[in-house]
Amino acid sequence: MIGVPAERLLTAAELAVELRVNVKTVRAWARSGRITPTAVTPGGQYRFRLDDVLEQLKQPRPRRDP
């Protein structure tokens, strides 16, 4: 990962670059609860701490039964 200070809050687009995924993926993960934003701006934009997101992505996801 690129050297981003742990305390810096990233936009969804910046997080997508760090994770090497599409920004739509980051937004979908946030909407579905897979990752939790550190903050949400008054305009509804997500802000994330990279270390928090990396930890959340290590956690197993709940299994969905058909």
PDB file of N, CA and C in Angstrom:
ATOM      1  N   MET A   1       0.830  -1.177   0.000  1.00  0.00           N
ATOM      2  CA  MET A   1       0.000   0.000   0.000  1.00  0.00           C
ATOM      3  C   MET A   1       0.878   1.244   0.000  1.00  0.00           C
ATOM      4  N   ILE A   2       0.348   2.284  -0.588  1.00  0.00           N
ATOM      5  CA  ILE A   2       1.043   3.553  -0.618  1.00  0.00           C
ATOM      6  C   ILE A   2       1.063   4.111   0.796  1.00  0.00           C
ATOM      7  N   GLY A   3       2.106   4.837   1.160  1.00  0.00           N
ATOM      8  CA  GLY A   3       2.258   5.349   2.516  1.00  0.00           C
ATOM      9  C   GLY A   3       1.258   6.437   2.857  1.00  0.00           C
ATOM     10  N   VAL A   4       0.134   6.069   3.399  1.00  0.00           N
ATOM     11  CA  VAL A   4      -0.891   7.023   3.832  1.00  0.00           C
ATOM     12  C   VAL A   4      -0.886   7.020   5.347  1.00  0.00           C
ATOM     13  N   PRO A   5      -0.755   8.181   5.982  1.00  0.00           N
ATOM     14  CA  PRO A   5      -0.804   8.205   7.448  1.00  0.00           C
ATOM     15  C   PRO A   5      -2.101   7.585   7.961  1.00  0.00           C
ATOM     16  N   ALA A   6      -1.994   6.780   9.018  1.00  0.00           N
ATOM     17  CA  ALA A   6      -3.150   6.037   9.544  1.00  0.00           C
ATOM     18  C   ALA A   6      -4.292   6.953   9.978  1.00  0.00           C
ATOM     19  N   GLU A   7      -3.971   8.146  10.462  1.00  0.00           N
ATOM     20  CA  GLU A   7      -5.023   9.029  10.959  1.00  0.00           C
ATOM     21  C   GLU A   7      -5.715   9.822   9.855  1.00  0.00           C
ATOM     22  N   ARG A   8      -5.185   9.831   8.666  1.00  0.00           N
ATOM     23  CA  ARG A   8      -5.773  10.593   7.569  1.00  0.00           C
ATOM     24  C   ARG A   8      -7.051   9.916   7.084  1.00  0.00           C
ATOM     25  N   LEU A   9      -8.093  10.712   6.904  1.00  0.00           N
ATOM     26  CA  LEU A   9      -9.346  10.176   6.378  1.00  0.00           C
ATOM     27  C   LEU A   9      -9.319  10.246   4.856  1.00  0.00           C
ATOM     28  N   LEU A  10      -9.679   9.141   4.232  1.00  0.00           N
ATOM     29  CA  LEU A  10      -9.673   9.026   2.777  1.00  0.00           C
ATOM     30  C   LEU A  10     -11.084   9.098   2.227  1.00  0.00           C
ATOM     31  N   THR A  11     -11.212   9.667   1.051  1.00  0.00           N
ATOM     32  CA  THR A  11     -12.487   9.622   0.341  1.00  0.00           C
ATOM     33  C   THR A  11     -12.662   8.210  -0.223  1.00  0.00           C
ATOM     34  N   ALA A  12     -13.842   7.913  -0.710  1.00  0.00           N
ATOM     35  CA  ALA A  12     -14.082   6.609  -1.330  1.00  0.00           C
ATOM     36  C   ALA A  12     -13.157   6.409  -2.522  1.00  0.00           C
ATOM     37  N   ALA A  13     -12.921   7.461  -3.292  1.00  0.00           N
ATOM     38  CA  ALA A  13     -12.043   7.359  -4.464  1.00  0.00           C
ATOM     39  C   ALA A  13     -10.600   7.099  -4.042  1.00  0.00           C
ATOM     40  N   GLU A  14     -10.145   7.783  -3.008  1.00  0.00           N
ATOM     41  CA  GLU A  14      -8.776   7.571  -2.529  1.00  0.00           C
ATOM     42  C   GLU A  14      -8.611   6.172  -1.953  1.00  0.00           C
ATOM     43  N   LEU A  15      -9.626   5.695  -1.232  1.00  0.00           N
ATOM     44  CA  LEU A  15      -9.575   4.342  -0.694  1.00  0.00           C
ATOM     45  C   LEU A  15      -9.539   3.316  -1.821  1.00  0.00           C
ATOM     46  N   ALA A  16     -10.316   3.549  -2.857  1.00  0.00           N
ATOM     47  CA  ALA A  16     -10.328   2.639  -4.001  1.00  0.00           C
ATOM     48  C   ALA A  16      -8.943   2.517  -4.616  1.00  0.00           C
ATOM     49  N   VAL A  17      -8.231   3.623  -4.728  1.00  0.00           N
ATOM     50  CA  VAL A  17      -6.864   3.599  -5.270  1.00  0.00           C
ATOM     51  C   VAL A  17      -5.970   2.759  -4.360  1.00  0.00           C
ATOM     52  N   GLU A  18      -6.069   2.980  -3.062  1.00  0.00           N
ATOM     53  CA  GLU A  18      -5.245   2.238  -2.109  1.00  0.00           C
ATOM     54  C   GLU A  18      -5.517   0.735  -2.164  1.00  0.00           C
ATOM     55  N   LEU A  19      -6.786   0.362  -2.317  1.00  0.00           N
ATOM     56  CA  LEU A  19      -7.170  -1.046  -2.329  1.00  0.00           C
ATOM     57  C   LEU A  19      -7.109  -1.666  -3.716  1.00  0.00           C
ATOM     58  N   ARG A  20      -6.888  -0.823  -4.708  1.00  0.00           N
ATOM     59  CA  ARG A  20      -6.846  -1.270  -6.110  1.00  0.00           C
ATOM     60  C   ARG A  20      -8.151  -1.919  -6.535  1.00  0.00           C
ATOM     61  N   VAL A  21      -9.250  -1.239  -6.188  1.00  0.00           N
ATOM     62  CA  VAL A  21     -10.580  -1.655  -6.620  1.00  0.00           C
ATOM     63  C   VAL A  21     -11.282  -0.439  -7.201  1.00  0.00           C
ATOM     64  N   ASN A  22     -12.411  -0.655  -7.827  1.00  0.00           N
ATOM     65  CA  ASN A  22     -13.193   0.434  -8.386  1.00  0.00           C
ATOM     66  C   ASN A  22     -13.891   1.196  -7.268  1.00  0.00           C
ATOM     67  N   VAL A  23     -14.036   2.482  -7.434  1.00  0.00           N
ATOM     68  CA  VAL A  23     -14.715   3.293  -6.411  1.00  0.00           C
ATOM     69  C   VAL A  23     -16.149   2.811  -6.182  1.00  0.00           C
ATOM     70  N   LYS A  24     -16.783   2.275  -7.208  1.00  0.00           N
ATOM     71  CA  LYS A  24     -18.138   1.737  -7.041  1.00  0.00           C
ATOM     72  C   LYS A  24     -18.130   0.550  -6.079  1.00  0.00           C
ATOM     73  N   THR A  25     -17.054  -0.214  -6.080  1.00  0.00           N
ATOM     74  CA  THR A  25     -16.925  -1.340  -5.160  1.00  0.00           C
ATOM     75  C   THR A  25     -16.858  -0.840  -3.725  1.00  0.00           C
ATOM     76  N   VAL A  26     -16.060   0.194  -3.486  1.00  0.00           N
ATOM     77  CA  VAL A  26     -15.953   0.767  -2.140  1.00  0.00           C
ATOM     78  C   VAL A  26     -17.314   1.254  -1.664  1.00  0.00           C
ATOM     79  N   ARG A  27     -18.014   1.953  -2.518  1.00  0.00           N
ATOM     80  CA  ARG A  27     -19.337   2.470  -2.129  1.00  0.00           C
ATOM     81  C   ARG A  27     -20.321   1.340  -1.865  1.00  0.00           C
ATOM     82  N   ALA A  28     -20.265   0.293  -2.682  1.00  0.00           N
ATOM     83  CA  ALA A  28     -21.153  -0.855  -2.490  1.00  0.00           C
ATOM     84  C   ALA A  28     -20.835  -1.558  -1.172  1.00  0.00           C
ATOM     85  N   TRP A  29     -19.555  -1.721  -0.867  1.00  0.00           N
ATOM     86  CA  TRP A  29     -19.167  -2.338   0.406  1.00  0.00           C
ATOM     87  C   TRP A  29     -19.695  -1.523   1.576  1.00  0.00           C
ATOM     88  N   ALA A  30     -19.604  -0.197   1.487  1.00  0.00           N
ATOM     89  CA  ALA A  30     -20.067   0.672   2.572  1.00  0.00           C
ATOM     90  C   ALA A  30     -21.594   0.568   2.717  1.00  0.00           C
ATOM     91  N   ARG A  31     -22.306   0.581   1.589  1.00  0.00           N
ATOM     92  CA  ARG A  31     -23.775   0.487   1.647  1.00  0.00           C
ATOM     93  C   ARG A  31     -24.227  -0.856   2.210  1.00  0.00           C
ATOM     94  N   SER A  32     -23.495  -1.924   1.884  1.00  0.00           N
ATOM     95  CA  SER A  32     -23.901  -3.259   2.329  1.00  0.00           C
ATOM     96  C   SER A  32     -23.457  -3.568   3.758  1.00  0.00           C
ATOM     97  N   GLY A  33     -22.576  -2.734   4.312  1.00  0.00           N
ATOM     98  CA  GLY A  33     -22.088  -2.963   5.663  1.00  0.00           C
ATOM     99  C   GLY A  33     -20.814  -3.764   5.737  1.00  0.00           C
ATOM    100  N   ARG A  34     -20.256  -4.153   4.603  1.00  0.00           N
ATOM    101  CA  ARG A  34     -18.995  -4.910   4.629  1.00  0.00           C
ATOM    102  C   ARG A  34     -17.877  -4.070   5.237  1.00  0.00           C
ATOM    103  N   ILE A  35     -17.861  -2.777   4.930  1.00  0.00           N
ATOM    104  CA  ILE A  35     -16.940  -1.850   5.571  1.00  0.00           C
ATOM    105  C   ILE A  35     -17.759  -0.708   6.151  1.00  0.00           C
ATOM    106  N   THR A  36     -17.270  -0.143   7.241  1.00  0.00           N
ATOM    107  CA  THR A  36     -17.967   0.949   7.902  1.00  0.00           C
ATOM    108  C   THR A  36     -17.141   2.216   7.774  1.00  0.00           C
ATOM    109  N   PRO A  37     -17.714   3.272   7.228  1.00  0.00           N
ATOM    110  CA  PRO A  37     -16.970   4.520   7.132  1.00  0.00           C
ATOM    111  C   PRO A  37     -16.651   5.063   8.533  1.00  0.00           C
ATOM    112  N   THR A  38     -15.520   5.725   8.644  1.00  0.00           N
ATOM    113  CA  THR A  38     -15.154   6.380   9.893  1.00  0.00           C
ATOM    114  C   THR A  38     -16.053   7.585  10.118  1.00  0.00           C
ATOM    115  N   ALA A  39     -16.406   8.246   9.026  1.00  0.00           N
ATOM    116  CA  ALA A  39     -17.267   9.432   9.106  1.00  0.00           C
ATOM    117  C   ALA A  39     -18.084   9.531   7.827  1.00  0.00           C
ATOM    118  N   VAL A  40     -19.194  10.247   7.942  1.00  0.00           N
ATOM    119  CA  VAL A  40     -20.023  10.569   6.782  1.00  0.00           C
ATOM    120  C   VAL A  40     -20.223  12.075   6.826  1.00  0.00           C
ATOM    121  N   THR A  41     -19.909  12.746   5.727  1.00  0.00           N
ATOM    122  CA  THR A  41     -20.035  14.200   5.686  1.00  0.00           C
ATOM    123  C   THR A  41     -21.513  14.590   5.670  1.00  0.00           C
ATOM    124  N   PRO A  42     -21.812  15.864   5.968  1.00  0.00           N
ATOM    125  CA  PRO A  42     -23.208  16.314   5.892  1.00  0.00           C
ATOM    126  C   PRO A  42     -23.821  16.076   4.502  1.00  0.00           C
ATOM    127  N   GLY A  43     -22.986  16.034   3.472  1.00  0.00           N
ATOM    128  CA  GLY A  43     -23.473  15.778   2.122  1.00  0.00           C
ATOM    129  C   GLY A  43     -23.613  14.298   1.798  1.00  0.00           C
ATOM    130  N   GLY A  44     -23.307  13.425   2.786  1.00  0.00           N
ATOM    131  CA  GLY A  44     -23.467  11.985   2.582  1.00  0.00           C
ATOM    132  C   GLY A  44     -22.255  11.281   1.997  1.00  0.00           C
ATOM    133  N   GLN A  45     -21.112  11.953   1.936  1.00  0.00           N
ATOM    134  CA  GLN A  45     -19.907  11.322   1.399  1.00  0.00           C
ATOM    135  C   GLN A  45     -19.173  10.578   2.513  1.00  0.00           C
ATOM    136  N   TYR A  46     -18.654   9.399   2.166  1.00  0.00           N
ATOM    137  CA  TYR A  46     -17.951   8.564   3.127  1.00  0.00           C
ATOM    138  C   TYR A  46     -16.506   9.013   3.279  1.00  0.00           C
ATOM    139  N   ARG A  47     -15.983   8.844   4.501  1.00  0.00           N
ATOM    140  CA  ARG A  47     -14.563   9.040   4.792  1.00  0.00           C
ATOM    141  C   ARG A  47     -14.095   7.818   5.571  1.00  0.00           C
ATOM    142  N   PHE A  48     -12.898   7.329   5.226  1.00  0.00           N
ATOM    143  CA  PHE A  48     -12.396   6.080   5.785  1.00  0.00           C
ATOM    144  C   PHE A  48     -10.972   6.235   6.293  1.00  0.00           C
ATOM    145  N   ARG A  49     -10.640   5.462   7.329  1.00  0.00           N
ATOM    146  CA  ARG A  49      -9.246   5.279   7.748  1.00  0.00           C
ATOM    147  C   ARG A  49      -8.789   3.971   7.118  1.00  0.00           C
ATOM    148  N   LEU A  50      -7.678   4.021   6.418  1.00  0.00           N
ATOM    149  CA  LEU A  50      -7.190   2.849   5.702  1.00  0.00           C
ATOM    150  C   LEU A  50      -6.987   1.665   6.640  1.00  0.00           C
ATOM    151  N   ASP A  51      -6.353   1.882   7.781  1.00  0.00           N
ATOM    152  CA  ASP A  51      -6.101   0.772   8.709  1.00  0.00           C
ATOM    153  C   ASP A  51      -7.406   0.122   9.184  1.00  0.00           C
ATOM    154  N   ASP A  52      -8.426   0.935   9.450  1.00  0.00           N
ATOM    155  CA  ASP A  52      -9.721   0.399   9.884  1.00  0.00           C
ATOM    156  C   ASP A  52     -10.339  -0.484   8.803  1.00  0.00           C
ATOM    157  N   VAL A  53     -10.288  -0.010   7.572  1.00  0.00           N
ATOM    158  CA  VAL A  53     -10.882  -0.765   6.467  1.00  0.00           C
ATOM    159  C   VAL A  53     -10.127  -2.070   6.243  1.00  0.00           C
ATOM    160  N   LEU A  54      -8.807  -2.020   6.277  1.00  0.00           N
ATOM    161  CA  LEU A  54      -8.025  -3.244   6.084  1.00  0.00           C
ATOM    162  C   LEU A  54      -8.372  -4.277   7.153  1.00  0.00           C
ATOM    163  N   GLU A  55      -8.559  -3.829   8.379  1.00  0.00           N
ATOM    164  CA  GLU A  55      -8.939  -4.739   9.463  1.00  0.00           C
ATOM    165  C   GLU A  55     -10.340  -5.311   9.212  1.00  0.00           C
ATOM    166  N   GLN A  56     -11.263  -4.474   8.782  1.00  0.00           N
ATOM    167  CA  GLN A  56     -12.630  -4.934   8.512  1.00  0.00           C
ATOM    168  C   GLN A  56     -12.656  -5.961   7.386  1.00  0.00           C
ATOM    169  N   LEU A  57     -11.829  -5.771   6.384  1.00  0.00           N
ATOM    170  CA  LEU A  57     -11.824  -6.695   5.250  1.00  0.00           C
ATOM    171  C   LEU A  57     -11.221  -8.052   5.612  1.00  0.00           C
ATOM    172  N   LYS A  58     -10.471  -8.123   6.698  1.00  0.00           N
ATOM    173  CA  LYS A  58      -9.899  -9.398   7.161  1.00  0.00           C
ATOM    174  C   LYS A  58     -10.949 -10.257   7.848  1.00  0.00           C
ATOM    175  N   GLN A  59     -12.019  -9.630   8.340  1.00  0.00           N
ATOM    176  CA  GLN A  59     -13.046 -10.339   9.087  1.00  0.00           C
ATOM    177  C   GLN A  59     -13.899 -11.175   8.129  1.00  0.00           C
ATOM    178  N   PRO A  60     -14.245 -12.394   8.539  1.00  0.00           N
ATOM    179  CA  PRO A  60     -15.114 -13.199   7.677  1.00  0.00           C
ATOM    180  C   PRO A  60     -16.496 -12.562   7.549  1.00  0.00           C
ATOM    181  N   ARG A  61     -17.046 -12.664   6.375  1.00  0.00           N
ATOM    182  CA  ARG A  61     -18.381 -12.115   6.129  1.00  0.00           C
ATOM    183  C   ARG A  61     -19.426 -13.131   6.555  1.00  0.00           C
ATOM    184  N   PRO A  62     -20.554 -12.651   7.069  1.00  0.00           N
ATOM    185  CA  PRO A  62     -21.623 -13.593   7.429  1.00  0.00           C
ATOM    186  C   PRO A  62     -22.096 -14.334   6.181  1.00  0.00           C
ATOM    187  N   ARG A  63     -22.367 -15.602   6.354  1.00  0.00           N
ATOM    188  CA  ARG A  63     -22.817 -16.433   5.228  1.00  0.00           C
ATOM    189  C   ARG A  63     -24.279 -16.204   4.971  1.00  0.00           C
ATOM    190  N   ARG A  64     -24.618 -16.062   3.702  1.00  0.00           N
ATOM    191  CA  ARG A  64     -26.026 -15.916   3.310  1.00  0.00           C
ATOM    192  C   ARG A  64     -26.524 -17.273   2.809  1.00  0.00           C
ATOM    193  N   ASP A  65     -27.561 -17.752   3.436  1.00  0.00           N
ATOM    194  CA  ASP A  65     -28.158 -19.002   2.979  1.00  0.00           C
ATOM    195  C   ASP A  65     -29.191 -18.683   1.904  1.00  0.00           C
ATOM    196  N   PRO A  66     -29.238 -19.506   0.848  1.00  0.00           N
ATOM    197  CA  PRO A  66     -30.203 -19.243  -0.241  1.00  0.00           C
ATOM    198  C   PRO A  66     -31.636 -19.383   0.177  1.00  0.00           C
TER     199      PRO A  66
END
